[in-house]
Amino acid sequence: MTRVLIITGDPLAAAMAGPAIRALNMALTLQGAGHEVRLVSTTRAEHPAPPVPMFAVTAGDERGIAVHERWAEVVLFQGYATTQFRTIARTDRMLIADAYDPMHLEMLEQGRELPPATWALRVATARDALNDQLRRADLVLCASERQRLFYLGQIAGLGRLNPATYATDGDLRGLLAVVPFGLEPSPPVADAGQGMRGAVPGIDADSRVLIWGGGVYSWFDPLTLIRAVGIARELEPRIRLFFLGTRHPGVDEMGIVREAFDVATSLGLEGREVIFNDTWVPYDRRGAYLVEADAGVSTHHVHVETTFSFRTRILDYLWAGLPMVVTEGDGFADLVEVEGLGIVVPANDADALADALVRVLADSPEVETWRANVARVRERFVWQVVLQPVLDAVAAPRRAADATAGRDGMGVGARAVRTAGFGHTVRMTLHHLRAEGITGVTSRVRKRFARD
């Protein structure tokens, strides 16, 4: 039995997004394997019925995190923990960095709506924080073989591909392991009154429902999808597109949400063929929505973030047994095409997308074949399977072959600045003052207090 501390930057609550869901399921799987687990959020820990011990420790609270770090034998973290807590950056415990979300690439898209100087700062901060954890970690987790190739180049540039790490681990699986997002072993079941049909205006027993399973962010392309629904309704008038959530529990709403609503309204689709859920479905209720859908859909633009992304919503489609329509360009598009899980369409092509939507909503042998393939592939992604590298590491904790005391010698290059504490607050205030003036700083302070 090993004592494991898991740290996430996302809220642990009834409504959770991908990082918190992943952290919770890691905790549950490790606990089920007989290990002791504590789960810490740097934002909120308000789960109504916590299945594992949960705590909230504010970023920069060294005393608060030290209590858990001293208790643990293994520390597994997501996000900015090594730049938020010196205690984590310098721990002598086995340190596992969960880098399944390449946050520097994500910030290239997430920051598009920010002032240029702030966008550049956000990208640099994410890049430096990721480099810092890649330097210090005893084990790094990524989500796919495609991501692994990307990270191999990054850790090589940081000096972690060296004689010590290479001597007994030629493929470096002991330093950089593939751990995809997982899914629950039992598919969801219908729960009368808890899903969409008959509860959401515009969706009834006869509707043919496409579900968009997750948030609406700027790196996705809901606009082409909405236009495609407008085209497809001429052939399938029962078509409905339901956006499961438009308000991420830990991220400010992006302008693309308003654009999507405006396009749907301008085409006369909003509230009928296109329906927005303007909240966030609680994690333990999402299955009731998914199982009532006829197909899952995910459309995006093609860029670097797409190439190395891992769309966790696709796993929910696998979990619920849904055939799917997805845009080309990412790893899951390859899986859908190779395994016959649905249809892959070109980016930004509303006509091709409309044809695919009509096909995936039809009653046809083709759709039944896709469903059978989804059920087969689903078994590869259950949490107990995908987390095997973590289970192995936790069963026999060990430091990396090039480990140094204090971790500052594990890799090369400049160290990342702190992303928590008084110094960070001063730096960010001065940045926003220079970039946006006093009006911008005042607006940000108001938003922060409104969130709190």
Protein backbone atom coordinates (compact mmCIF):
# COMPACT_ATOMS: atom_id res chain seq x y z
CA MET A 1 0.00 0.00 0.00
CA THR A 2 1.29 3.46 -0.98
CA ARG A 3 0.13 6.90 0.14
CA VAL A 4 -0.68 9.02 -2.92
CA LEU A 5 -1.39 12.75 -3.09
CA ILE A 6 -3.20 13.92 -6.26
CA ILE A 7 -3.36 17.66 -7.03
CA THR A 8 -5.66 19.32 -9.57
CA GLY A 9 -6.27 22.96 -10.34
CA ASP A 10 -9.93 22.35 -11.21
CA PRO A 11 -12.88 22.46 -8.79
CA LEU A 12 -13.91 19.18 -7.17
CA ALA A 13 -17.66 19.58 -7.03
CA ALA A 14 -20.91 18.18 -8.40
CA ALA A 15 -20.16 19.88 -11.73
CA MET A 16 -16.68 18.96 -12.91
CA ALA A 17 -14.72 19.36 -16.13
CA GLY A 18 -12.05 17.10 -17.63
CA PRO A 19 -9.05 17.68 -15.31
CA ALA A 20 -11.08 17.16 -12.13
CA ILE A 21 -12.86 14.13 -13.60
CA ARG A 22 -9.48 12.62 -14.49
CA ALA A 23 -8.01 13.35 -11.06
CA LEU A 24 -11.05 11.86 -9.30
CA ASN A 25 -10.96 8.67 -11.35
CA MET A 26 -7.24 8.29 -10.78
CA ALA A 27 -7.95 8.57 -7.06
CA LEU A 28 -10.79 6.04 -7.19
CA THR A 29 -8.76 3.53 -9.21
CA LEU A 30 -5.74 3.80 -6.92
CA GLN A 31 -7.98 3.54 -3.87
CA GLY A 32 -9.61 0.46 -5.38
CA ALA A 33 -6.15 -1.07 -5.78
CA GLY A 34 -5.58 -0.75 -2.03
CA HIS A 35 -3.63 2.51 -1.86
CA GLU A 36 -4.38 5.47 0.41
CA VAL A 37 -5.27 8.58 -1.57
CA ARG A 38 -5.82 12.25 -0.85
CA LEU A 39 -7.22 14.54 -3.54
CA VAL A 40 -6.39 18.27 -3.37
CA SER A 41 -7.85 21.09 -5.45
CA THR A 42 -6.19 24.50 -5.60
CA THR A 43 -9.61 26.08 -6.23
CA ARG A 44 -12.54 24.30 -4.53
CA ALA A 45 -13.27 20.94 -2.93
CA GLU A 46 -17.03 20.91 -2.49
CA HIS A 47 -18.04 17.48 -3.75
CA PRO A 48 -21.39 16.63 -2.13
CA ALA A 49 -20.38 13.02 -1.34
CA PRO A 50 -16.59 12.73 -1.66
CA PRO A 51 -15.65 9.10 -2.41
CA VAL A 52 -12.03 9.83 -1.40
CA PRO A 53 -10.66 12.38 1.09
CA MET A 54 -10.76 15.80 -0.59
CA PHE A 55 -9.12 19.05 0.44
CA ALA A 56 -8.80 22.60 -0.90
CA VAL A 57 -5.39 24.26 -0.65
CA THR A 58 -5.00 27.72 -2.14
CA ALA A 59 -2.14 28.16 -4.60
CA GLY A 60 0.88 29.47 -2.71
CA ASP A 61 -0.21 28.10 0.67
CA GLU A 62 3.03 26.25 1.48
CA ARG A 63 1.97 25.24 4.98
CA GLY A 64 -1.31 23.88 3.69
CA ILE A 65 0.24 21.74 0.95
CA ALA A 66 3.19 20.63 3.12
CA VAL A 67 0.83 18.71 5.42
CA HIS A 68 -0.25 16.53 2.49
CA GLU A 69 3.18 16.34 0.82
CA ARG A 70 4.80 15.04 4.03
CA TRP A 71 2.04 12.44 4.38
CA ALA A 72 2.47 11.17 0.81
CA GLU A 73 4.95 8.75 -0.73
CA VAL A 74 3.92 9.71 -4.28
CA VAL A 75 2.76 13.13 -5.51
CA LEU A 76 0.79 13.18 -8.78
CA PHE A 77 -0.26 16.59 -10.10
CA GLN A 78 -1.82 18.43 -13.02
CA GLY A 79 -1.20 21.97 -14.18
CA TYR A 80 0.86 24.54 -12.32
CA ALA A 81 1.59 22.82 -8.99
CA THR A 82 5.40 23.06 -9.25
CA THR A 83 5.23 26.81 -9.87
CA GLN A 84 2.47 27.35 -7.29
CA PHE A 85 4.14 25.44 -4.44
CA ARG A 86 7.87 25.35 -3.71
CA THR A 87 7.07 22.34 -1.53
CA ILE A 88 5.98 20.35 -4.59
CA ALA A 89 8.82 21.61 -6.80
CA ARG A 90 11.40 20.42 -4.25
CA THR A 91 9.70 17.32 -2.87
CA ASP A 92 11.78 14.22 -2.21
CA ARG A 93 8.74 12.02 -2.92
CA MET A 94 8.21 10.35 -6.27
CA LEU A 95 6.78 13.12 -8.47
CA ILE A 96 4.40 12.26 -11.34
CA ALA A 97 3.45 15.08 -13.75
CA ASP A 98 0.15 14.51 -15.52
CA ALA A 99 0.73 16.42 -18.78
CA TYR A 100 -2.19 14.91 -20.70
CA ASP A 101 -3.28 18.44 -21.63
CA PRO A 102 -0.44 20.34 -23.41
CA MET A 103 -1.35 23.59 -21.72
CA HIS A 104 1.02 25.79 -23.72
CA LEU A 105 -0.68 24.69 -26.96
CA GLU A 106 -4.12 25.09 -25.40
CA MET A 107 -3.22 28.63 -24.31
CA LEU A 108 -2.39 29.57 -27.92
CA GLU A 109 -6.10 29.12 -28.64
CA GLN A 110 -7.60 29.98 -25.27
CA GLY A 111 -5.81 33.34 -25.22
CA ARG A 112 -6.87 34.55 -28.66
CA GLU A 113 -9.45 36.96 -27.24
CA LEU A 114 -6.99 38.57 -24.81
CA PRO A 115 -4.92 41.71 -25.47
CA PRO A 116 -1.75 40.71 -27.41
CA ALA A 117 0.64 41.32 -24.49
CA THR A 118 -1.50 39.27 -22.12
CA TRP A 119 -1.89 36.49 -24.68
CA ALA A 120 1.90 36.31 -25.07
CA LEU A 121 2.36 36.28 -21.28
CA ARG A 122 -0.18 33.49 -20.79
CA VAL A 123 1.49 31.32 -23.43
CA ALA A 124 4.96 31.96 -21.99
CA THR A 125 3.76 31.22 -18.46
CA ALA A 126 2.18 27.92 -19.53
CA ARG A 127 5.28 26.98 -21.54
CA ASP A 128 7.66 27.72 -18.67
CA ALA A 129 5.47 25.92 -16.13
CA LEU A 130 5.28 22.83 -18.35
CA ASN A 131 9.04 22.87 -18.94
CA ASP A 132 9.54 23.16 -15.19
CA GLN A 133 7.49 20.04 -14.46
CA LEU A 134 9.10 18.09 -17.31
CA ARG A 135 12.51 18.90 -15.78
CA ARG A 136 11.52 17.85 -12.27
CA ALA A 137 9.21 14.86 -12.70
CA ASP A 138 10.21 11.26 -12.06
CA LEU A 139 7.43 10.17 -14.42
CA VAL A 140 5.49 12.19 -17.01
CA LEU A 141 2.05 11.11 -18.26
CA CYS A 142 0.69 12.00 -21.69
CA ALA A 143 -2.57 11.05 -23.40
CA SER A 144 -1.55 9.45 -26.70
CA GLU A 145 1.33 8.13 -28.78
CA ARG A 146 1.09 11.28 -30.87
CA GLN A 147 1.51 13.43 -27.76
CA ARG A 148 4.34 11.19 -26.59
CA LEU A 149 6.39 11.94 -29.71
CA PHE A 150 5.80 15.64 -29.13
CA TYR A 151 6.92 15.44 -25.50
CA LEU A 152 9.94 13.30 -26.34
CA GLY A 153 11.27 16.22 -28.35
CA GLN A 154 10.52 18.61 -25.52
CA ILE A 155 12.20 16.55 -22.79
CA ALA A 156 15.19 15.90 -25.07
CA GLY A 157 15.62 19.67 -25.41
CA LEU A 158 15.50 19.95 -21.63
CA GLY A 159 18.29 17.43 -21.19
CA ARG A 160 16.20 14.59 -19.76
CA LEU A 161 17.14 12.20 -22.57
CA ASN A 162 20.57 11.45 -21.16
CA PRO A 163 22.78 8.43 -20.43
CA ALA A 164 21.24 7.93 -16.99
CA THR A 165 17.63 7.79 -18.23
CA TYR A 166 18.55 5.90 -21.42
CA ALA A 167 20.89 3.24 -20.04
CA THR A 168 18.23 0.83 -18.74
CA ASP A 169 15.12 2.31 -20.40
CA GLY A 170 15.86 2.65 -24.10
CA ASP A 171 12.33 3.68 -25.13
CA LEU A 172 11.93 5.93 -22.05
CA ARG A 173 8.55 4.45 -21.11
CA GLY A 174 9.70 4.66 -17.51
CA LEU A 175 10.03 8.43 -17.84
CA LEU A 176 7.25 9.24 -20.33
CA ALA A 177 4.18 6.96 -20.27
CA VAL A 178 0.95 7.03 -22.28
CA VAL A 179 -2.10 7.26 -20.01
CA PRO A 180 -5.19 8.30 -21.98
CA PHE A 181 -8.29 9.73 -20.41
CA GLY A 182 -10.46 6.81 -19.33
CA LEU A 183 -14.08 5.88 -18.93
CA GLU A 184 -16.21 3.95 -16.49
CA PRO A 185 -16.47 0.18 -17.09
CA SER A 186 -20.27 0.07 -17.08
CA PRO A 187 -22.11 2.06 -19.78
CA PRO A 188 -24.67 4.63 -18.65
CA VAL A 189 -28.30 3.66 -18.38
CA ALA A 190 -31.44 5.65 -19.07
CA ASP A 191 -32.87 7.46 -16.07
CA ALA A 192 -36.43 8.66 -16.65
CA GLY A 193 -36.76 12.40 -16.15
CA GLN A 194 -33.03 12.97 -15.68
CA GLY A 195 -32.02 13.33 -19.33
CA MET A 196 -33.14 15.40 -22.30
CA ARG A 197 -36.20 13.81 -23.85
CA GLY A 198 -39.37 15.30 -22.51
CA ALA A 199 -37.40 17.52 -20.12
CA VAL A 200 -35.61 19.86 -22.51
CA PRO A 201 -37.99 21.98 -24.61
CA GLY A 202 -37.76 20.95 -28.27
CA ILE A 203 -36.48 17.41 -27.60
CA ASP A 204 -39.06 14.63 -27.44
CA ALA A 205 -39.23 10.88 -28.06
CA ASP A 206 -39.21 11.33 -31.86
CA SER A 207 -36.26 13.73 -32.02
CA ARG A 208 -32.98 12.62 -33.62
CA VAL A 209 -30.46 14.03 -31.20
CA LEU A 210 -26.83 14.97 -31.77
CA ILE A 211 -25.02 15.73 -28.53
CA TRP A 212 -22.08 18.10 -28.10
CA GLY A 213 -20.62 16.62 -24.93
CA GLY A 214 -18.73 19.37 -23.18
CA GLY A 215 -17.89 23.05 -23.23
CA VAL A 216 -17.75 25.44 -26.19
CA TYR A 217 -14.25 26.88 -26.60
CA SER A 218 -12.51 28.91 -29.27
CA TRP A 219 -10.48 25.97 -30.62
CA PHE A 220 -13.69 24.16 -31.54
CA ASP A 221 -15.89 24.99 -34.53
CA PRO A 222 -19.53 25.02 -33.45
CA LEU A 223 -20.41 27.58 -36.15
CA THR A 224 -19.90 25.23 -39.11
CA LEU A 225 -21.79 22.56 -37.19
CA ILE A 226 -24.77 24.84 -36.60
CA ARG A 227 -24.83 25.79 -40.29
CA ALA A 228 -24.69 22.11 -41.20
CA VAL A 229 -27.70 21.40 -38.96
CA GLY A 230 -29.55 24.11 -40.88
CA ILE A 231 -28.78 22.28 -44.12
CA ALA A 232 -29.50 18.81 -42.75
CA ARG A 233 -32.95 19.68 -41.40
CA GLU A 234 -34.22 19.78 -44.97
CA LEU A 235 -33.61 16.01 -45.17
CA GLU A 236 -34.10 15.15 -41.49
CA PRO A 237 -36.59 17.58 -39.89
CA ARG A 238 -36.36 15.76 -36.56
CA ILE A 239 -32.67 16.70 -36.13
CA ARG A 240 -31.72 18.31 -32.84
CA LEU A 241 -28.27 19.50 -31.72
CA PHE A 242 -27.92 19.75 -27.95
CA PHE A 243 -24.92 21.55 -26.42
CA LEU A 244 -24.47 19.80 -23.09
CA GLY A 245 -22.67 22.69 -21.40
CA THR A 246 -21.69 26.24 -22.23
CA ARG A 247 -20.33 27.31 -18.85
CA HIS A 248 -17.13 25.52 -17.79
CA PRO A 249 -17.03 25.43 -13.97
CA GLY A 250 -13.48 26.82 -13.89
CA VAL A 251 -13.08 28.94 -17.06
CA ASP A 252 -14.62 32.25 -18.12
CA GLU A 253 -17.14 31.98 -20.94
CA MET A 254 -15.51 32.59 -24.32
CA GLY A 255 -16.82 34.79 -27.11
CA ILE A 256 -17.43 31.72 -29.29
CA VAL A 257 -20.41 30.87 -27.09
CA ARG A 258 -22.11 34.14 -28.02
CA GLU A 259 -21.15 33.69 -31.68
CA ALA A 260 -22.68 30.22 -31.72
CA PHE A 261 -25.89 31.50 -30.18
CA ASP A 262 -26.05 34.37 -32.66
CA VAL A 263 -25.52 32.11 -35.68
CA ALA A 264 -28.21 29.69 -34.48
CA THR A 265 -30.58 32.60 -33.93
CA SER A 266 -29.88 34.17 -37.32
CA LEU A 267 -30.65 30.87 -39.06
CA GLY A 268 -33.87 30.37 -37.11
CA LEU A 269 -32.50 27.26 -35.38
CA GLU A 270 -32.02 28.38 -31.76
CA GLY A 271 -34.44 26.77 -29.34
CA ARG A 272 -35.59 24.14 -31.82
CA GLU A 273 -32.98 22.42 -34.00
CA VAL A 274 -30.15 23.87 -31.92
CA ILE A 275 -30.51 23.92 -28.14
CA PHE A 276 -27.98 25.35 -25.68
CA ASN A 277 -27.81 24.18 -22.09
CA ASP A 278 -26.60 27.40 -20.45
CA THR A 279 -25.31 25.67 -17.32
CA TRP A 280 -23.05 22.64 -16.75
CA VAL A 281 -24.55 19.19 -16.24
CA PRO A 282 -23.38 17.58 -12.96
CA TYR A 283 -20.78 14.90 -13.55
CA ASP A 284 -22.87 12.06 -12.12
CA ARG A 285 -25.88 13.01 -14.31
CA ARG A 286 -24.16 13.33 -17.68
CA GLY A 287 -24.79 9.66 -18.52
CA ALA A 288 -28.55 10.19 -18.53
CA TYR A 289 -28.11 12.84 -21.25
CA LEU A 290 -25.59 10.88 -23.30
CA VAL A 291 -27.58 7.65 -23.39
CA GLU A 292 -30.61 9.49 -24.80
CA ALA A 293 -28.63 10.86 -27.75
CA ASP A 294 -28.47 9.19 -31.15
CA ALA A 295 -24.93 10.30 -32.00
CA GLY A 296 -22.03 12.36 -30.66
CA VAL A 297 -20.39 15.20 -32.54
CA SER A 298 -17.13 17.14 -32.21
CA THR A 299 -15.99 19.74 -34.74
CA HIS A 300 -12.86 21.84 -34.59
CA HIS A 301 -10.46 23.94 -36.59
CA VAL A 302 -7.21 22.37 -37.78
CA HIS A 303 -4.12 23.82 -36.09
CA VAL A 304 -1.30 22.78 -33.77
CA GLU A 305 -3.57 22.49 -30.71
CA THR A 306 -5.77 20.09 -32.69
CA THR A 307 -2.83 17.91 -33.74
CA PHE A 308 -1.85 17.05 -30.16
CA SER A 309 -5.22 17.34 -28.43
CA PHE A 310 -7.10 14.53 -26.70
CA ARG A 311 -10.82 15.30 -26.82
CA THR A 312 -12.18 13.79 -23.64
CA ARG A 313 -15.77 14.21 -24.84
CA ILE A 314 -15.10 11.49 -27.43
CA LEU A 315 -14.61 9.05 -24.57
CA ASP A 316 -18.06 9.92 -23.26
CA TYR A 317 -19.42 9.01 -26.69
CA LEU A 318 -17.60 5.67 -26.48
CA TRP A 319 -18.93 5.18 -22.95
CA ALA A 320 -22.51 5.78 -24.09
CA GLY A 321 -22.16 3.62 -27.23
CA LEU A 322 -22.71 6.53 -29.63
CA PRO A 323 -21.61 6.56 -33.27
CA MET A 324 -19.98 9.89 -34.00
CA VAL A 325 -19.14 12.57 -36.50
CA VAL A 326 -15.79 14.29 -35.97
CA THR A 327 -13.50 16.67 -37.80
CA GLU A 328 -10.24 15.40 -39.27
CA GLY A 329 -6.83 16.31 -37.88
CA ASP A 330 -6.57 14.91 -34.34
CA GLY A 331 -5.78 11.52 -32.88
CA PHE A 332 -9.40 10.60 -32.26
CA ALA A 333 -10.29 11.27 -35.90
CA ASP A 334 -7.73 8.60 -36.77
CA LEU A 335 -9.35 6.22 -34.28
CA VAL A 336 -12.86 6.87 -35.62
CA GLU A 337 -11.72 6.23 -39.18
CA VAL A 338 -9.54 3.17 -38.55
CA GLU A 339 -11.96 1.43 -36.17
CA GLY A 340 -15.16 2.40 -38.01
CA LEU A 341 -16.81 4.37 -35.20
CA GLY A 342 -18.60 6.90 -37.40
CA ILE A 343 -17.68 9.53 -39.96
CA VAL A 344 -14.65 11.83 -40.26
CA VAL A 345 -15.29 15.05 -42.19
CA PRO A 346 -13.07 17.84 -43.55
CA ALA A 347 -12.73 20.96 -41.43
CA ASN A 348 -14.99 23.94 -42.14
CA ASP A 349 -17.12 22.09 -44.73
CA ALA A 350 -20.78 22.57 -43.82
CA ASP A 351 -22.13 20.55 -46.78
CA ALA A 352 -19.98 17.48 -46.07
CA LEU A 353 -20.84 17.78 -42.39
CA ALA A 354 -24.57 18.00 -43.13
CA ASP A 355 -24.40 14.82 -45.22
CA ALA A 356 -22.59 13.05 -42.37
CA LEU A 357 -25.17 14.19 -39.80
CA VAL A 358 -28.02 12.78 -41.87
CA ARG A 359 -26.18 9.46 -42.28
CA VAL A 360 -25.35 9.06 -38.60
CA LEU A 361 -28.98 9.74 -37.58
CA ALA A 362 -30.46 7.24 -40.02
CA ASP A 363 -31.87 3.81 -39.16
CA SER A 364 -29.44 1.78 -41.23
CA PRO A 365 -27.10 -1.23 -41.08
CA GLU A 366 -24.21 1.23 -41.39
CA VAL A 367 -25.16 2.88 -38.10
CA GLU A 368 -25.57 -0.48 -36.38
CA THR A 369 -22.05 -1.46 -37.50
CA TRP A 370 -20.66 1.76 -36.03
CA ARG A 371 -22.43 1.08 -32.75
CA ALA A 372 -21.02 -2.44 -32.57
CA ASN A 373 -17.51 -1.11 -33.22
CA VAL A 374 -17.91 1.53 -30.51
CA ALA A 375 -18.87 -1.17 -28.00
CA ARG A 376 -15.77 -3.17 -28.96
CA VAL A 377 -13.30 -0.27 -28.78
CA ARG A 378 -14.77 1.04 -25.52
CA GLU A 379 -13.15 -1.75 -23.52
CA ARG A 380 -9.67 -0.41 -24.30
CA PHE A 381 -10.35 2.84 -22.48
CA VAL A 382 -11.77 1.84 -19.10
CA TRP A 383 -9.90 3.51 -16.26
CA GLN A 384 -8.45 0.29 -14.86
CA VAL A 385 -6.81 -0.41 -18.24
CA VAL A 386 -5.49 3.04 -19.18
CA LEU A 387 -4.13 3.70 -15.68
CA GLN A 388 -1.93 0.59 -15.61
CA PRO A 389 1.33 2.62 -15.90
CA VAL A 390 0.24 4.68 -12.88
CA LEU A 391 -0.74 1.58 -10.92
CA ASP A 392 2.66 0.05 -11.69
CA ALA A 393 4.53 3.20 -10.65
CA VAL A 394 2.60 3.63 -7.41
CA ALA A 395 3.04 -0.03 -6.48
CA ALA A 396 6.83 0.48 -6.47
CA PRO A 397 7.62 4.22 -6.13
CA ARG A 398 11.03 5.25 -7.41
CA ARG A 399 12.94 8.35 -8.36
CA ALA A 400 14.02 8.99 -11.96
CA ALA A 401 17.44 7.68 -13.00
CA ASP A 402 18.75 11.26 -13.32
CA ALA A 403 17.15 12.45 -10.07
CA THR A 404 18.97 15.01 -7.95
CA ALA A 405 18.34 16.25 -4.44
CA GLY A 406 16.08 19.27 -4.60
CA ARG A 407 15.36 18.49 -8.29
CA ASP A 408 17.01 21.66 -9.62
CA GLY A 409 19.61 19.61 -11.48
CA MET A 410 17.09 17.46 -13.38
CA GLY A 411 17.27 19.17 -16.77
CA VAL A 412 18.60 22.38 -18.24
CA GLY A 413 17.39 25.90 -18.98
CA ALA A 414 15.93 28.81 -17.07
CA ARG A 415 13.56 28.05 -14.21
CA ALA A 416 9.91 29.09 -14.35
CA VAL A 417 8.69 32.01 -12.27
CA ARG A 418 6.18 31.44 -9.49
CA THR A 419 2.50 31.46 -10.48
CA ALA A 420 1.15 32.03 -6.98
CA GLY A 421 1.83 34.27 -4.00
CA PHE A 422 2.37 37.98 -3.44
CA GLY A 423 5.18 38.32 -5.99
CA HIS A 424 3.02 36.77 -8.69
CA THR A 425 0.14 39.11 -7.85
CA VAL A 426 2.44 42.15 -8.10
CA ARG A 427 3.91 40.98 -11.43
CA MET A 428 0.48 40.38 -12.93
CA THR A 429 -0.88 43.71 -11.67
CA LEU A 430 2.04 45.59 -13.22
CA HIS A 431 1.63 43.65 -16.47
CA HIS A 432 -2.07 44.44 -16.78
CA LEU A 433 -1.45 48.05 -15.81
CA ARG A 434 1.07 48.40 -18.66
CA ALA A 435 -1.00 46.42 -21.17
CA GLU A 436 -4.54 47.59 -20.37
CA GLY A 437 -4.30 50.62 -18.10
CA ILE A 438 -6.10 51.27 -14.86
CA THR A 439 -9.49 50.54 -16.45
CA GLY A 440 -8.40 47.04 -17.40
CA VAL A 441 -6.98 46.33 -13.94
CA THR A 442 -10.18 47.57 -12.29
CA SER A 443 -12.28 45.35 -14.56
CA ARG A 444 -10.18 42.30 -13.70
CA VAL A 445 -10.45 42.98 -9.96
CA ARG A 446 -14.23 43.22 -10.26
CA LYS A 447 -14.41 39.93 -12.17
CA ARG A 448 -12.22 38.20 -9.60
CA PHE A 449 -14.41 39.33 -6.70
CA ALA A 450 -17.54 38.37 -8.65
CA ARG A 451 -16.16 34.81 -9.13
CA ASP A 452 -15.19 34.52 -5.49
